């Protein structure tokens, strides 16, 4: 037996999530079912919920905007740079 859940969410969030779920081969209903099953299995929210500090919030915002990102030609070059 199944039931229906209704939720209001802003259009942009729904569209962005749908694109990701489409890429993963999941429907919105399947993703919600996975989320609810994880809540049951873990007896709580299946991820940490926290407010980032000022530096972390700025870093996340900058990276979303493409600011301050480091680019390498390939993975090998990246590891060479990291090992310097």
PDB file of N, CA and C in Angstrom:
ATOM      1  N   UNK A   1       0.841  -1.175   0.000  1.00  0.00           N
ATOM      2  CA  UNK A   1       0.000   0.000   0.000  1.00  0.00           C
ATOM      3  C   UNK A   1       0.891   1.245   0.000  1.00  0.00           C
ATOM      4  N   UNK A   2       0.525   2.251  -0.732  1.00  0.00           N
ATOM      5  CA  UNK A   2       1.272   3.506  -0.770  1.00  0.00           C
ATOM      6  C   UNK A   2       0.374   4.658  -0.368  1.00  0.00           C
ATOM      7  N   UNK A   3       1.002   5.780  -0.081  1.00  0.00           N
ATOM      8  CA  UNK A   3       0.275   6.992   0.280  1.00  0.00           C
ATOM      9  C   UNK A   3       0.914   8.168  -0.453  1.00  0.00           C
ATOM     10  N   UNK A   4       0.283   9.305  -0.412  1.00  0.00           N
ATOM     11  CA  UNK A   4       0.767  10.491  -1.109  1.00  0.00           C
ATOM     12  C   UNK A   4       1.294  11.497  -0.103  1.00  0.00           C
ATOM     13  N   UNK A   5       2.412  12.125  -0.465  1.00  0.00           N
ATOM     14  CA  UNK A   5       2.978  13.214   0.328  1.00  0.00           C
ATOM     15  C   UNK A   5       2.953  14.455  -0.546  1.00  0.00           C
ATOM     16  N   UNK A   6       2.501  15.560   0.007  1.00  0.00           N
ATOM     17  CA  UNK A   6       2.538  16.831  -0.725  1.00  0.00           C
ATOM     18  C   UNK A   6       3.494  17.761   0.000  1.00  0.00           C
ATOM     19  N   UNK A   7       4.339  18.428  -0.762  1.00  0.00           N
ATOM     20  CA  UNK A   7       5.281  19.379  -0.174  1.00  0.00           C
ATOM     21  C   UNK A   7       5.416  20.579  -1.097  1.00  0.00           C
ATOM     22  N   UNK A   8       5.547  21.738  -0.512  1.00  0.00           N
ATOM     23  CA  UNK A   8       5.761  22.953  -1.298  1.00  0.00           C
ATOM     24  C   UNK A   8       7.256  23.249  -1.294  1.00  0.00           C
ATOM     25  N   UNK A   9       7.790  23.520  -2.465  1.00  0.00           N
ATOM     26  CA  UNK A   9       9.209  23.826  -2.612  1.00  0.00           C
ATOM     27  C   UNK A   9       9.360  24.829  -3.735  1.00  0.00           C
ATOM     28  N   UNK A  10      10.374  25.679  -3.641  1.00  0.00           N
ATOM     29  CA  UNK A  10      10.536  26.683  -4.682  1.00  0.00           C
ATOM     30  C   UNK A  10      10.913  26.013  -6.007  1.00  0.00           C
ATOM     31  N   UNK A  11      10.506  26.638  -7.089  1.00  0.00           N
ATOM     32  CA  UNK A  11      10.659  26.086  -8.432  1.00  0.00           C
ATOM     33  C   UNK A  11      12.121  25.782  -8.756  1.00  0.00           C
ATOM     34  N   UNK A  12      13.029  26.713  -8.431  1.00  0.00           N
ATOM     35  CA  UNK A  12      14.437  26.525  -8.778  1.00  0.00           C
ATOM     36  C   UNK A  12      15.036  25.302  -8.088  1.00  0.00           C
ATOM     37  N   UNK A  13      14.740  25.117  -6.805  1.00  0.00           N
ATOM     38  CA  UNK A  13      15.265  23.953  -6.083  1.00  0.00           C
ATOM     39  C   UNK A  13      14.752  22.656  -6.702  1.00  0.00           C
ATOM     40  N   UNK A  14      13.475  22.635  -7.039  1.00  0.00           N
ATOM     41  CA  UNK A  14      12.896  21.432  -7.641  1.00  0.00           C
ATOM     42  C   UNK A  14      13.556  21.133  -8.986  1.00  0.00           C
ATOM     43  N   UNK A  15      13.745  22.155  -9.814  1.00  0.00           N
ATOM     44  CA  UNK A  15      14.341  21.955 -11.135  1.00  0.00           C
ATOM     45  C   UNK A  15      15.785  21.482 -11.019  1.00  0.00           C
ATOM     46  N   UNK A  16      16.559  22.097 -10.109  1.00  0.00           N
ATOM     47  CA  UNK A  16      17.948  21.685  -9.936  1.00  0.00           C
ATOM     48  C   UNK A  16      18.038  20.241  -9.437  1.00  0.00           C
ATOM     49  N   UNK A  17      17.201  19.903  -8.469  1.00  0.00           N
ATOM     50  CA  UNK A  17      17.204  18.537  -7.939  1.00  0.00           C
ATOM     51  C   UNK A  17      16.779  17.539  -9.015  1.00  0.00           C
ATOM     52  N   UNK A  18      15.788  17.903  -9.822  1.00  0.00           N
ATOM     53  CA  UNK A  18      15.307  17.005 -10.870  1.00  0.00           C
ATOM     54  C   UNK A  18      16.414  16.706 -11.882  1.00  0.00           C
ATOM     55  N   UNK A  19      17.203  17.718 -12.253  1.00  0.00           N
ATOM     56  CA  UNK A  19      18.307  17.501 -13.196  1.00  0.00           C
ATOM     57  C   UNK A  19      19.302  16.488 -12.645  1.00  0.00           C
ATOM     58  N   UNK A  20      19.633  16.626 -11.370  1.00  0.00           N
ATOM     59  CA  UNK A  20      20.578  15.703 -10.741  1.00  0.00           C
ATOM     60  C   UNK A  20      19.983  14.309 -10.650  1.00  0.00           C
ATOM     61  N   UNK A  21      18.730  14.224 -10.233  1.00  0.00           N
ATOM     62  CA  UNK A  21      18.072  12.920 -10.117  1.00  0.00           C
ATOM     63  C   UNK A  21      17.935  12.248 -11.480  1.00  0.00           C
ATOM     64  N   UNK A  22      17.634  13.026 -12.522  1.00  0.00           N
ATOM     65  CA  UNK A  22      17.566  12.466 -13.881  1.00  0.00           C
ATOM     66  C   UNK A  22      18.906  11.861 -14.263  1.00  0.00           C
ATOM     67  N   UNK A  23      19.992  12.577 -13.963  1.00  0.00           N
ATOM     68  CA  UNK A  23      21.335  12.079 -14.266  1.00  0.00           C
ATOM     69  C   UNK A  23      21.610  10.775 -13.525  1.00  0.00           C
ATOM     70  N   UNK A  24      21.109  10.679 -12.288  1.00  0.00           N
ATOM     71  CA  UNK A  24      21.293   9.471 -11.475  1.00  0.00           C
ATOM     72  C   UNK A  24      20.315   8.358 -11.824  1.00  0.00           C
ATOM     73  N   UNK A  25      19.331   8.668 -12.665  1.00  0.00           N
ATOM     74  CA  UNK A  25      18.343   7.665 -13.042  1.00  0.00           C
ATOM     75  C   UNK A  25      17.282   7.434 -11.986  1.00  0.00           C
ATOM     76  N   UNK A  26      17.027   8.461 -11.169  1.00  0.00           N
ATOM     77  CA  UNK A  26      16.024   8.345 -10.113  1.00  0.00           C
ATOM     78  C   UNK A  26      14.893   9.331 -10.352  1.00  0.00           C
ATOM     79  N   UNK A  27      13.693   8.917  -9.998  1.00  0.00           N
ATOM     80  CA  UNK A  27      12.562   9.843 -10.028  1.00  0.00           C
ATOM     81  C   UNK A  27      12.539  10.595  -8.696  1.00  0.00           C
ATOM     82  N   UNK A  28      11.801  11.672  -8.648  1.00  0.00           N
ATOM     83  CA  UNK A  28      11.636  12.429  -7.410  1.00  0.00           C
ATOM     84  C   UNK A  28      11.024  11.524  -6.337  1.00  0.00           C
ATOM     85  N   UNK A  29      10.045  10.718  -6.711  1.00  0.00           N
ATOM     86  CA  UNK A  29       9.406   9.810  -5.746  1.00  0.00           C
ATOM     87  C   UNK A  29      10.400   8.786  -5.199  1.00  0.00           C
ATOM     88  N   UNK A  30      11.250   8.254  -6.073  1.00  0.00           N
ATOM     89  CA  UNK A  30      12.254   7.287  -5.616  1.00  0.00           C
ATOM     90  C   UNK A  30      13.248   7.944  -4.662  1.00  0.00           C
ATOM     91  N   UNK A  31      13.654   9.170  -4.959  1.00  0.00           N
ATOM     92  CA  UNK A  31      14.595   9.879  -4.093  1.00  0.00           C
ATOM     93  C   UNK A  31      13.972  10.153  -2.722  1.00  0.00           C
ATOM     94  N   UNK A  32      12.719  10.560  -2.714  1.00  0.00           N
ATOM     95  CA  UNK A  32      12.039  10.817  -1.447  1.00  0.00           C
ATOM     96  C   UNK A  32      11.888   9.525  -0.657  1.00  0.00           C
ATOM     97  N   UNK A  33      11.577   8.433  -1.341  1.00  0.00           N
ATOM     98  CA  UNK A  33      11.470   7.131  -0.675  1.00  0.00           C
ATOM     99  C   UNK A  33      12.809   6.728  -0.060  1.00  0.00           C
ATOM    100  N   UNK A  34      13.914   6.919  -0.811  1.00  0.00           N
ATOM    101  CA  UNK A  34      15.251   6.622  -0.273  1.00  0.00           C
ATOM    102  C   UNK A  34      15.533   7.449   0.977  1.00  0.00           C
ATOM    103  N   UNK A  35      15.201   8.729   0.901  1.00  0.00           N
ATOM    104  CA  UNK A  35      15.420   9.627   2.036  1.00  0.00           C
ATOM    105  C   UNK A  35      14.640   9.153   3.266  1.00  0.00           C
ATOM    106  N   UNK A  36      13.378   8.842   3.093  1.00  0.00           N
ATOM    107  CA  UNK A  36      12.550   8.398   4.216  1.00  0.00           C
ATOM    108  C   UNK A  36      13.045   7.074   4.786  1.00  0.00           C
ATOM    109  N   UNK A  37      13.486   6.171   3.921  1.00  0.00           N
ATOM    110  CA  UNK A  37      14.025   4.886   4.406  1.00  0.00           C
ATOM    111  C   UNK A  37      15.303   5.091   5.207  1.00  0.00           C
ATOM    112  N   UNK A  38      16.142   6.046   4.785  1.00  0.00           N
ATOM    113  CA  UNK A  38      17.350   6.348   5.536  1.00  0.00           C
ATOM    114  C   UNK A  38      17.016   6.954   6.901  1.00  0.00           C
ATOM    115  N   UNK A  39      15.993   7.778   6.955  1.00  0.00           N
ATOM    116  CA  UNK A  39      15.551   8.325   8.246  1.00  0.00           C
ATOM    117  C   UNK A  39      15.167   7.181   9.180  1.00  0.00           C
ATOM    118  N   UNK A  40      14.443   6.217   8.649  1.00  0.00           N
ATOM    119  CA  UNK A  40      14.012   5.068   9.454  1.00  0.00           C
ATOM    120  C   UNK A  40      15.216   4.249   9.910  1.00  0.00           C
ATOM    121  N   UNK A  41      16.113   3.919   8.966  1.00  0.00           N
ATOM    122  CA  UNK A  41      17.284   3.096   9.299  1.00  0.00           C
ATOM    123  C   UNK A  41      18.196   3.763  10.322  1.00  0.00           C
ATOM    124  N   UNK A  42      18.382   5.064  10.191  1.00  0.00           N
ATOM    125  CA  UNK A  42      19.313   5.783  11.062  1.00  0.00           C
ATOM    126  C   UNK A  42      18.629   6.383  12.290  1.00  0.00           C
ATOM    127  N   UNK A  43      17.300   6.283  12.300  1.00  0.00           N
ATOM    128  CA  UNK A  43      16.511   6.850  13.400  1.00  0.00           C
ATOM    129  C   UNK A  43      16.792   8.347  13.559  1.00  0.00           C
ATOM    130  N   UNK A  44      16.854   9.037  12.413  1.00  0.00           N
ATOM    131  CA  UNK A  44      17.099  10.474  12.411  1.00  0.00           C
ATOM    132  C   UNK A  44      17.449  10.943  11.012  1.00  0.00           C
ATOM    133  N   UNK A  45      17.758  12.211  10.884  1.00  0.00           N
ATOM    134  CA  UNK A  45      18.142  12.782   9.591  1.00  0.00           C
ATOM    135  C   UNK A  45      19.457  12.126   9.159  1.00  0.00           C
ATOM    136  N   UNK A  46      19.557  11.661   7.909  1.00  0.00           N
ATOM    137  CA  UNK A  46      20.736  10.892   7.483  1.00  0.00           C
ATOM    138  C   UNK A  46      21.951  11.731   7.068  1.00  0.00           C
ATOM    139  N   UNK A  47      22.050  12.935   7.572  1.00  0.00           N
ATOM    140  CA  UNK A  47      23.217  13.778   7.314  1.00  0.00           C
ATOM    141  C   UNK A  47      23.274  14.835   8.404  1.00  0.00           C
ATOM    142  N   UNK A  48      24.475  15.432   8.558  1.00  0.00           N
ATOM    143  CA  UNK A  48      24.629  16.466   9.572  1.00  0.00           C
ATOM    144  C   UNK A  48      23.942  17.749   9.130  1.00  0.00           C
ATOM    145  N   UNK A  49      23.326  18.409  10.071  1.00  0.00           N
ATOM    146  CA  UNK A  49      22.717  19.705   9.814  1.00  0.00           C
ATOM    147  C   UNK A  49      23.458  20.701  10.698  1.00  0.00           C
ATOM    148  N   UNK A  50      24.175  21.609  10.043  1.00  0.00           N
ATOM    149  CA  UNK A  50      24.930  22.579  10.815  1.00  0.00           C
ATOM    150  C   UNK A  50      25.029  23.888  10.048  1.00  0.00           C
ATOM    151  N   UNK A  51      25.291  24.926  10.769  1.00  0.00           N
ATOM    152  CA  UNK A  51      25.465  26.245  10.168  1.00  0.00           C
ATOM    153  C   UNK A  51      26.968  26.456  10.016  1.00  0.00           C
ATOM    154  N   UNK A  52      27.441  26.674   8.774  1.00  0.00           N
ATOM    155  CA  UNK A  52      28.881  26.831   8.579  1.00  0.00           C
ATOM    156  C   UNK A  52      29.388  28.136   9.203  1.00  0.00           C
ATOM    157  N   UNK A  53      30.661  28.115   9.643  1.00  0.00           N
ATOM    158  CA  UNK A  53      31.233  29.352  10.157  1.00  0.00           C
ATOM    159  C   UNK A  53      31.442  30.328   9.003  1.00  0.00           C
ATOM    160  N   UNK A  54      31.851  31.550   9.314  1.00  0.00           N
ATOM    161  CA  UNK A  54      31.942  32.604   8.310  1.00  0.00           C
ATOM    162  C   UNK A  54      32.898  32.239   7.172  1.00  0.00           C
ATOM    163  N   UNK A  55      34.059  31.673   7.503  1.00  0.00           N
ATOM    164  CA  UNK A  55      35.042  31.314   6.476  1.00  0.00           C
ATOM    165  C   UNK A  55      34.509  30.217   5.559  1.00  0.00           C
ATOM    166  N   UNK A  56      33.892  29.195   6.139  1.00  0.00           N
ATOM    167  CA  UNK A  56      33.342  28.106   5.341  1.00  0.00           C
ATOM    168  C   UNK A  56      32.219  28.608   4.448  1.00  0.00           C
ATOM    169  N   UNK A  57      31.348  29.450   4.972  1.00  0.00           N
ATOM    170  CA  UNK A  57      30.243  29.998   4.181  1.00  0.00           C
ATOM    171  C   UNK A  57      30.781  30.810   3.003  1.00  0.00           C
ATOM    172  N   UNK A  58      31.830  31.629   3.246  1.00  0.00           N
ATOM    173  CA  UNK A  58      32.413  32.428   2.176  1.00  0.00           C
ATOM    174  C   UNK A  58      33.072  31.529   1.134  1.00  0.00           C
ATOM    175  N   UNK A  59      33.790  30.511   1.581  1.00  0.00           N
ATOM    176  CA  UNK A  59      34.462  29.586   0.666  1.00  0.00           C
ATOM    177  C   UNK A  59      33.454  28.856  -0.207  1.00  0.00           C
ATOM    178  N   UNK A  60      32.366  28.386   0.390  1.00  0.00           N
ATOM    179  CA  UNK A  60      31.323  27.696  -0.376  1.00  0.00           C
ATOM    180  C   UNK A  60      30.687  28.633  -1.391  1.00  0.00           C
ATOM    181  N   UNK A  61      30.398  29.855  -0.964  1.00  0.00           N
ATOM    182  CA  UNK A  61      29.798  30.836  -1.863  1.00  0.00           C
ATOM    183  C   UNK A  61      30.734  31.158  -3.021  1.00  0.00           C
ATOM    184  N   UNK A  62      32.017  31.386  -2.712  1.00  0.00           N
ATOM    185  CA  UNK A  62      32.989  31.688  -3.760  1.00  0.00           C
ATOM    186  C   UNK A  62      33.128  30.532  -4.753  1.00  0.00           C
ATOM    187  N   UNK A  63      33.178  29.312  -4.246  1.00  0.00           N
ATOM    188  CA  UNK A  63      33.354  28.164  -5.148  1.00  0.00           C
ATOM    189  C   UNK A  63      32.139  27.971  -6.048  1.00  0.00           C
ATOM    190  N   UNK A  64      30.940  28.237  -5.523  1.00  0.00           N
ATOM    191  CA  UNK A  64      29.734  28.138  -6.361  1.00  0.00           C
ATOM    192  C   UNK A  64      29.756  29.164  -7.495  1.00  0.00           C
ATOM    193  N   UNK A  65      30.410  30.297  -7.217  1.00  0.00           N
ATOM    194  CA  UNK A  65      30.510  31.358  -8.217  1.00  0.00           C
ATOM    195  C   UNK A  65      31.754  31.212  -9.092  1.00  0.00           C
ATOM    196  N   UNK A  66      32.529  30.155  -8.864  1.00  0.00           N
ATOM    197  CA  UNK A  66      33.722  29.914  -9.660  1.00  0.00           C
ATOM    198  C   UNK A  66      34.917  30.758  -9.258  1.00  0.00           C
ATOM    199  N   UNK A  67      34.872  31.369  -8.082  1.00  0.00           N
ATOM    200  CA  UNK A  67      35.964  32.226  -7.616  1.00  0.00           C
ATOM    201  C   UNK A  67      36.984  31.410  -6.816  1.00  0.00           C
ATOM    202  N   UNK A  68      38.255  31.696  -7.054  1.00  0.00           N
ATOM    203  CA  UNK A  68      39.316  31.094  -6.250  1.00  0.00           C
ATOM    204  C   UNK A  68      39.518  29.613  -6.489  1.00  0.00           C
ATOM    205  N   UNK A  69      39.043  29.109  -7.610  1.00  0.00           N
ATOM    206  CA  UNK A  69      39.201  27.689  -7.903  1.00  0.00           C
ATOM    207  C   UNK A  69      40.568  27.440  -8.538  1.00  0.00           C
ATOM    208  N   UNK A  70      41.145  26.310  -8.228  1.00  0.00           N
ATOM    209  CA  UNK A  70      42.408  25.918  -8.835  1.00  0.00           C
ATOM    210  C   UNK A  70      42.103  24.907  -9.929  1.00  0.00           C
ATOM    211  N   UNK A  71      42.684  25.114 -11.094  1.00  0.00           N
ATOM    212  CA  UNK A  71      42.446  24.195 -12.207  1.00  0.00           C
ATOM    213  C   UNK A  71      43.747  23.520 -12.601  1.00  0.00           C
ATOM    214  N   UNK A  72      43.645  22.246 -12.904  1.00  0.00           N
ATOM    215  CA  UNK A  72      44.784  21.466 -13.392  1.00  0.00           C
ATOM    216  C   UNK A  72      44.399  20.838 -14.716  1.00  0.00           C
ATOM    217  N   UNK A  73      45.402  20.556 -15.520  1.00  0.00           N
ATOM    218  CA  UNK A  73      45.147  19.965 -16.832  1.00  0.00           C
ATOM    219  C   UNK A  73      44.567  18.557 -16.714  1.00  0.00           C
ATOM    220  N   UNK A  74      45.038  17.820 -15.701  1.00  0.00           N
ATOM    221  CA  UNK A  74      44.560  16.447 -15.504  1.00  0.00           C
ATOM    222  C   UNK A  74      44.862  16.017 -14.072  1.00  0.00           C
ATOM    223  N   UNK A  75      44.436  14.838 -13.729  1.00  0.00           N
ATOM    224  CA  UNK A  75      44.585  14.333 -12.356  1.00  0.00           C
ATOM    225  C   UNK A  75      46.050  14.182 -11.982  1.00  0.00           C
ATOM    226  N   UNK A  76      46.876  13.685 -12.899  1.00  0.00           N
ATOM    227  CA  UNK A  76      48.297  13.499 -12.601  1.00  0.00           C
ATOM    228  C   UNK A  76      48.953  14.828 -12.242  1.00  0.00           C
ATOM    229  N   UNK A  77      48.655  15.876 -13.018  1.00  0.00           N
ATOM    230  CA  UNK A  77      49.209  17.199 -12.722  1.00  0.00           C
ATOM    231  C   UNK A  77      48.730  17.706 -11.365  1.00  0.00           C
ATOM    232  N   UNK A  78      47.475  17.454 -11.065  1.00  0.00           N
ATOM    233  CA  UNK A  78      46.928  17.893  -9.779  1.00  0.00           C
ATOM    234  C   UNK A  78      47.701  17.255  -8.628  1.00  0.00           C
ATOM    235  N   UNK A  79      47.929  15.932  -8.699  1.00  0.00           N
ATOM    236  CA  UNK A  79      48.642  15.247  -7.614  1.00  0.00           C
ATOM    237  C   UNK A  79      50.091  15.719  -7.530  1.00  0.00           C
ATOM    238  N   UNK A  80      50.722  16.000  -8.645  1.00  0.00           N
ATOM    239  CA  UNK A  80      52.090  16.538  -8.630  1.00  0.00           C
ATOM    240  C   UNK A  80      52.102  17.873  -7.884  1.00  0.00           C
ATOM    241  N   UNK A  81      51.111  18.711  -8.179  1.00  0.00           N
ATOM    242  CA  UNK A  81      51.035  20.014  -7.513  1.00  0.00           C
ATOM    243  C   UNK A  81      50.761  19.869  -6.024  1.00  0.00           C
ATOM    244  N   UNK A  82      49.926  18.918  -5.663  1.00  0.00           N
ATOM    245  CA  UNK A  82      49.595  18.718  -4.246  1.00  0.00           C
ATOM    246  C   UNK A  82      50.782  18.168  -3.471  1.00  0.00           C
ATOM    247  N   UNK A  83      51.635  17.406  -4.122  1.00  0.00           N
ATOM    248  CA  UNK A  83      52.782  16.779  -3.442  1.00  0.00           C
ATOM    249  C   UNK A  83      54.011  17.672  -3.373  1.00  0.00           C
ATOM    250  N   UNK A  84      53.925  18.885  -3.873  1.00  0.00           N
ATOM    251  CA  UNK A  84      55.086  19.812  -3.801  1.00  0.00           C
ATOM    252  C   UNK A  84      55.334  20.257  -2.407  1.00  0.00           C
TER     253      UNK A  84
END
